[in-house]
Amino acid sequence: MFAKAYNYQQNPVSALQAALLSFALVWLIMVMVMLAFRIQCGIPFPERWFRIHKREAAEYYELLGVKLFRWLLLNGPFRFANQGVYIGQNRSDQALERLLSKIKEAEFAHVIDAVLTLLACVIYQQLILWLLLWNLVFNIYPILLQRYHRIRIEKVLKHRTMRTLMSDH
């Protein structure tokens, strides 16, 4: 296998082959991480990573195009990819807390995918541009979208908590 990878590095590939190979490699990494998450549930998430910083605002993510990415995701072939990160009609605090948990899980999985894809860039240098492109589409933008959603959901939960506290007094 390593010999094939080595020979691959020596032989030039067409742009189409590079695009398809890198697409397949990114998806292979994503599937492996997804299976690892399904097998090993209860992976401890680094809470520091998930802390929303004061300077982190939904508007910044909107400037980066997460609304367009969200629309493409919801209206494209990947809308069925992870049903756990969609909210249904139930908008209770408990439902939002469950959604936040699923979003954190998805975000953490995409971070692992992104790092592994960057490592693949070191190994498959002929594919680096395509790997970076697919990494942006399938990992970086989903991370940005998850963070954008968490900011909005946490804001709603905080507002509800404040409203409840105010009505109790």
C-alpha atoms as a PDB file:
ATOM      1  CA  MET A   1       0.000   0.000   0.000  1.00  0.00           C
ATOM      2  CA  PHE A   2       2.764   2.429   0.945  1.00  0.00           C
ATOM      3  CA  ALA A   3       4.627   1.446  -2.221  1.00  0.00           C
ATOM      4  CA  LYS A   4       1.561   2.426  -4.245  1.00  0.00           C
ATOM      5  CA  ALA A   5       1.362   5.739  -2.398  1.00  0.00           C
ATOM      6  CA  TYR A   6       5.046   6.306  -3.108  1.00  0.00           C
ATOM      7  CA  ASN A   7       4.630   5.456  -6.805  1.00  0.00           C
ATOM      8  CA  TYR A   8       1.600   7.695  -6.902  1.00  0.00           C
ATOM      9  CA  GLN A   9       3.772  10.593  -5.769  1.00  0.00           C
ATOM     10  CA  GLN A  10       6.153   9.917  -8.672  1.00  0.00           C
ATOM     11  CA  ASN A  11       3.479   9.753 -11.393  1.00  0.00           C
ATOM     12  CA  PRO A  12       1.625  12.884 -12.453  1.00  0.00           C
ATOM     13  CA  VAL A  13      -2.172  12.785 -12.444  1.00  0.00           C
ATOM     14  CA  SER A  14      -4.736  14.778 -14.362  1.00  0.00           C
ATOM     15  CA  ALA A  15      -6.755  17.512 -12.669  1.00  0.00           C
ATOM     16  CA  LEU A  16      -9.872  15.347 -12.799  1.00  0.00           C
ATOM     17  CA  GLN A  17      -8.052  12.400 -11.222  1.00  0.00           C
ATOM     18  CA  ALA A  18      -6.643  14.668  -8.523  1.00  0.00           C
ATOM     19  CA  ALA A  19     -10.095  16.110  -7.801  1.00  0.00           C
ATOM     20  CA  LEU A  20     -11.703  12.668  -7.591  1.00  0.00           C
ATOM     21  CA  LEU A  21      -8.902  11.107  -5.551  1.00  0.00           C
ATOM     22  CA  SER A  22      -8.857  13.951  -3.058  1.00  0.00           C
ATOM     23  CA  PHE A  23     -12.675  13.933  -2.833  1.00  0.00           C
ATOM     24  CA  ALA A  24     -12.597  10.201  -2.091  1.00  0.00           C
ATOM     25  CA  LEU A  25      -9.832  10.632   0.476  1.00  0.00           C
ATOM     26  CA  VAL A  26     -11.673  13.404   2.337  1.00  0.00           C
ATOM     27  CA  TRP A  27     -14.846  11.300   2.382  1.00  0.00           C
ATOM     28  CA  LEU A  28     -12.925   8.242   3.551  1.00  0.00           C
ATOM     29  CA  ILE A  29     -11.535  10.260   6.452  1.00  0.00           C
ATOM     30  CA  MET A  30     -15.002  11.590   7.294  1.00  0.00           C
ATOM     31  CA  VAL A  31     -16.564   8.121   7.238  1.00  0.00           C
ATOM     32  CA  MET A  32     -13.809   6.698   9.447  1.00  0.00           C
ATOM     33  CA  VAL A  33     -14.259   9.494  12.005  1.00  0.00           C
ATOM     34  CA  MET A  34     -18.046   9.107  11.883  1.00  0.00           C
ATOM     35  CA  LEU A  35     -17.735   5.366  12.526  1.00  0.00           C
ATOM     36  CA  ALA A  36     -15.327   6.025  15.391  1.00  0.00           C
ATOM     37  CA  PHE A  37     -17.869   8.403  16.933  1.00  0.00           C
ATOM     38  CA  ARG A  38     -20.674   5.849  16.536  1.00  0.00           C
ATOM     39  CA  ILE A  39     -18.599   3.069  18.092  1.00  0.00           C
ATOM     40  CA  GLN A  40     -17.101   5.181  20.865  1.00  0.00           C
ATOM     41  CA  CYS A  41     -20.002   7.275  22.101  1.00  0.00           C
ATOM     42  CA  GLY A  42     -19.364   9.602  24.968  1.00  0.00           C
ATOM     43  CA  ILE A  43     -16.129  11.035  23.582  1.00  0.00           C
ATOM     44  CA  PRO A  44     -15.156  13.830  25.967  1.00  0.00           C
ATOM     45  CA  PHE A  45     -15.261  17.114  24.146  1.00  0.00           C
ATOM     46  CA  PRO A  46     -12.714  19.755  25.103  1.00  0.00           C
ATOM     47  CA  GLU A  47     -15.062  22.300  26.674  1.00  0.00           C
ATOM     48  CA  ARG A  48     -12.549  25.085  26.086  1.00  0.00           C
ATOM     49  CA  TRP A  49     -12.946  24.612  22.322  1.00  0.00           C
ATOM     50  CA  PHE A  50     -16.711  25.035  22.535  1.00  0.00           C
ATOM     51  CA  ARG A  51     -16.688  28.198  24.614  1.00  0.00           C
ATOM     52  CA  ILE A  52     -18.130  31.063  22.586  1.00  0.00           C
ATOM     53  CA  HIS A  53     -15.832  34.038  22.937  1.00  0.00           C
ATOM     54  CA  LYS A  54     -17.108  37.564  23.532  1.00  0.00           C
ATOM     55  CA  ARG A  55     -15.674  38.751  20.209  1.00  0.00           C
ATOM     56  CA  GLU A  56     -17.300  35.872  18.356  1.00  0.00           C
ATOM     57  CA  ALA A  57     -20.526  37.154  16.810  1.00  0.00           C
ATOM     58  CA  ALA A  58     -22.971  35.584  14.395  1.00  0.00           C
ATOM     59  CA  GLU A  59     -22.427  38.520  12.036  1.00  0.00           C
ATOM     60  CA  TYR A  60     -18.789  37.486  11.460  1.00  0.00           C
ATOM     61  CA  TYR A  61     -19.885  34.051  10.349  1.00  0.00           C
ATOM     62  CA  GLU A  62     -22.513  35.601   8.088  1.00  0.00           C
ATOM     63  CA  LEU A  63     -19.776  37.706   6.440  1.00  0.00           C
ATOM     64  CA  LEU A  64     -17.886  34.462   5.760  1.00  0.00           C
ATOM     65  CA  GLY A  65     -20.915  33.085   3.907  1.00  0.00           C
ATOM     66  CA  VAL A  66     -22.365  30.555   6.350  1.00  0.00           C
ATOM     67  CA  LYS A  67     -25.921  31.517   5.400  1.00  0.00           C
ATOM     68  CA  LEU A  68     -25.215  30.621   1.762  1.00  0.00           C
ATOM     69  CA  PHE A  69     -23.482  27.421   2.854  1.00  0.00           C
ATOM     70  CA  ARG A  70     -26.490  26.578   5.070  1.00  0.00           C
ATOM     71  CA  TRP A  71     -28.869  27.136   2.152  1.00  0.00           C
ATOM     72  CA  LEU A  72     -26.740  24.925  -0.114  1.00  0.00           C
ATOM     73  CA  LEU A  73     -26.631  22.256   2.583  1.00  0.00           C
ATOM     74  CA  LEU A  74     -30.390  22.312   3.180  1.00  0.00           C
ATOM     75  CA  ASN A  75     -31.263  22.390  -0.521  1.00  0.00           C
ATOM     76  CA  GLY A  76     -28.558  20.083  -1.847  1.00  0.00           C
ATOM     77  CA  PRO A  77     -27.814  16.377  -1.785  1.00  0.00           C
ATOM     78  CA  PHE A  78     -26.229  16.534   1.690  1.00  0.00           C
ATOM     79  CA  ARG A  79     -29.370  17.605   3.554  1.00  0.00           C
ATOM     80  CA  PHE A  80     -29.825  14.067   4.840  1.00  0.00           C
ATOM     81  CA  ALA A  81     -26.195  13.673   6.006  1.00  0.00           C
ATOM     82  CA  ASN A  82     -26.674  14.190   9.758  1.00  0.00           C
ATOM     83  CA  GLN A  83     -30.281  14.471  10.828  1.00  0.00           C
ATOM     84  CA  GLY A  84     -29.208  14.877  14.473  1.00  0.00           C
ATOM     85  CA  VAL A  85     -28.174  18.481  13.904  1.00  0.00           C
ATOM     86  CA  TYR A  86     -31.575  19.631  12.653  1.00  0.00           C
ATOM     87  CA  ILE A  87     -34.263  20.936  14.951  1.00  0.00           C
ATOM     88  CA  GLY A  88     -37.822  19.873  14.401  1.00  0.00           C
ATOM     89  CA  GLN A  89     -40.982  21.524  15.625  1.00  0.00           C
ATOM     90  CA  ASN A  90     -40.051  21.058  19.292  1.00  0.00           C
ATOM     91  CA  ARG A  91     -38.267  24.251  20.355  1.00  0.00           C
ATOM     92  CA  SER A  92     -38.264  23.591  24.100  1.00  0.00           C
ATOM     93  CA  ASP A  93     -35.196  24.295  26.210  1.00  0.00           C
ATOM     94  CA  GLN A  94     -34.541  20.547  26.458  1.00  0.00           C
ATOM     95  CA  ALA A  95     -34.741  20.143  22.673  1.00  0.00           C
ATOM     96  CA  LEU A  96     -32.346  23.054  22.188  1.00  0.00           C
ATOM     97  CA  GLU A  97     -29.934  21.577  24.755  1.00  0.00           C
ATOM     98  CA  ARG A  98     -30.020  18.224  22.914  1.00  0.00           C
ATOM     99  CA  LEU A  99     -29.419  20.047  19.648  1.00  0.00           C
ATOM    100  CA  LEU A 100     -26.456  21.891  21.175  1.00  0.00           C
ATOM    101  CA  SER A 101     -24.979  18.567  22.236  1.00  0.00           C
ATOM    102  CA  LYS A 102     -25.368  17.122  18.722  1.00  0.00           C
ATOM    103  CA  ILE A 103     -23.911  20.279  17.193  1.00  0.00           C
ATOM    104  CA  LYS A 104     -20.872  20.047  19.469  1.00  0.00           C
ATOM    105  CA  GLU A 105     -20.406  16.405  18.489  1.00  0.00           C
ATOM    106  CA  ALA A 106     -20.630  17.263  14.785  1.00  0.00           C
ATOM    107  CA  GLU A 107     -18.294  20.224  15.167  1.00  0.00           C
ATOM    108  CA  PHE A 108     -15.704  18.135  17.019  1.00  0.00           C
ATOM    109  CA  ALA A 109     -15.914  15.402  14.369  1.00  0.00           C
ATOM    110  CA  HIS A 110     -15.331  17.980  11.616  1.00  0.00           C
ATOM    111  CA  VAL A 111     -12.332  19.373  13.512  1.00  0.00           C
ATOM    112  CA  ILE A 112     -10.824  15.876  13.629  1.00  0.00           C
ATOM    113  CA  ASP A 113     -11.653  15.414   9.923  1.00  0.00           C
ATOM    114  CA  ALA A 114     -10.011  18.741   9.074  1.00  0.00           C
ATOM    115  CA  VAL A 115      -6.819  17.900  10.970  1.00  0.00           C
ATOM    116  CA  LEU A 116      -6.583  14.441   9.387  1.00  0.00           C
ATOM    117  CA  THR A 117      -7.154  15.957   5.945  1.00  0.00           C
ATOM    118  CA  LEU A 118      -4.351  18.448   6.585  1.00  0.00           C
ATOM    119  CA  LEU A 119      -2.113  15.510   7.485  1.00  0.00           C
ATOM    120  CA  ALA A 120      -3.129  13.876   4.205  1.00  0.00           C
ATOM    121  CA  CYS A 121      -1.931  17.064   2.459  1.00  0.00           C
ATOM    122  CA  VAL A 122       1.558  16.329   3.736  1.00  0.00           C
ATOM    123  CA  ILE A 123       1.468  12.768   2.385  1.00  0.00           C
ATOM    124  CA  TYR A 124      -0.267  13.462  -0.930  1.00  0.00           C
ATOM    125  CA  GLN A 125       1.321  16.734  -1.960  1.00  0.00           C
ATOM    126  CA  GLN A 126       0.173  16.399  -5.573  1.00  0.00           C
ATOM    127  CA  LEU A 127      -3.387  16.623  -4.277  1.00  0.00           C
ATOM    128  CA  ILE A 128      -2.824  19.479  -1.850  1.00  0.00           C
ATOM    129  CA  LEU A 129      -4.953  22.107  -3.630  1.00  0.00           C
ATOM    130  CA  TRP A 130      -7.895  19.737  -4.071  1.00  0.00           C
ATOM    131  CA  LEU A 131      -7.560  18.390  -0.527  1.00  0.00           C
ATOM    132  CA  LEU A 132      -7.605  21.932   0.834  1.00  0.00           C
ATOM    133  CA  LEU A 133     -10.634  22.806  -1.294  1.00  0.00           C
ATOM    134  CA  TRP A 134     -12.602  19.726  -0.205  1.00  0.00           C
ATOM    135  CA  ASN A 135     -11.478  20.316   3.391  1.00  0.00           C
ATOM    136  CA  LEU A 136     -12.886  23.831   3.197  1.00  0.00           C
ATOM    137  CA  VAL A 137     -16.206  22.603   1.800  1.00  0.00           C
ATOM    138  CA  PHE A 138     -16.696  19.465   3.911  1.00  0.00           C
ATOM    139  CA  ASN A 139     -15.021  20.427   7.195  1.00  0.00           C
ATOM    140  CA  ILE A 140     -14.168  24.096   7.646  1.00  0.00           C
ATOM    141  CA  TYR A 141     -17.510  25.511   6.550  1.00  0.00           C
ATOM    142  CA  PRO A 142     -19.455  22.936   8.592  1.00  0.00           C
ATOM    143  CA  ILE A 143     -17.362  23.960  11.642  1.00  0.00           C
ATOM    144  CA  LEU A 144     -18.200  27.621  10.983  1.00  0.00           C
ATOM    145  CA  LEU A 145     -21.874  26.764  10.532  1.00  0.00           C
ATOM    146  CA  GLN A 146     -21.992  24.763  13.777  1.00  0.00           C
ATOM    147  CA  ARG A 147     -20.382  27.624  15.692  1.00  0.00           C
ATOM    148  CA  TYR A 148     -22.839  30.075  14.095  1.00  0.00           C
ATOM    149  CA  HIS A 149     -25.782  27.929  15.170  1.00  0.00           C
ATOM    150  CA  ARG A 150     -24.427  27.520  18.697  1.00  0.00           C
ATOM    151  CA  ILE A 151     -24.108  31.295  19.095  1.00  0.00           C
ATOM    152  CA  ARG A 152     -27.724  31.733  18.053  1.00  0.00           C
ATOM    153  CA  ILE A 153     -29.067  28.852  20.176  1.00  0.00           C
ATOM    154  CA  GLU A 154     -27.135  29.907  23.279  1.00  0.00           C
ATOM    155  CA  LYS A 155     -28.478  33.435  22.812  1.00  0.00           C
ATOM    156  CA  VAL A 156     -32.058  32.099  22.713  1.00  0.00           C
ATOM    157  CA  LEU A 157     -31.492  29.951  25.813  1.00  0.00           C
ATOM    158  CA  LYS A 158     -29.903  32.850  27.684  1.00  0.00           C
ATOM    159  CA  HIS A 159     -32.795  35.136  26.724  1.00  0.00           C
ATOM    160  CA  ARG A 160     -35.331  32.538  27.907  1.00  0.00           C
ATOM    161  CA  THR A 161     -33.485  32.109  31.202  1.00  0.00           C
ATOM    162  CA  MET A 162     -33.394  35.867  31.773  1.00  0.00           C
ATOM    163  CA  ARG A 163     -37.082  36.161  30.927  1.00  0.00           C
ATOM    164  CA  THR A 164     -37.919  33.338  33.359  1.00  0.00           C
ATOM    165  CA  LEU A 165     -35.853  34.946  36.113  1.00  0.00           C
ATOM    166  CA  MET A 166     -37.509  38.313  35.515  1.00  0.00           C
ATOM    167  CA  SER A 167     -41.018  36.828  35.594  1.00  0.00           C
ATOM    168  CA  ASP A 168     -40.273  35.023  38.892  1.00  0.00           C
ATOM    169  CA  HIS A 169     -39.514  38.306  40.660  1.00  0.00           C
END
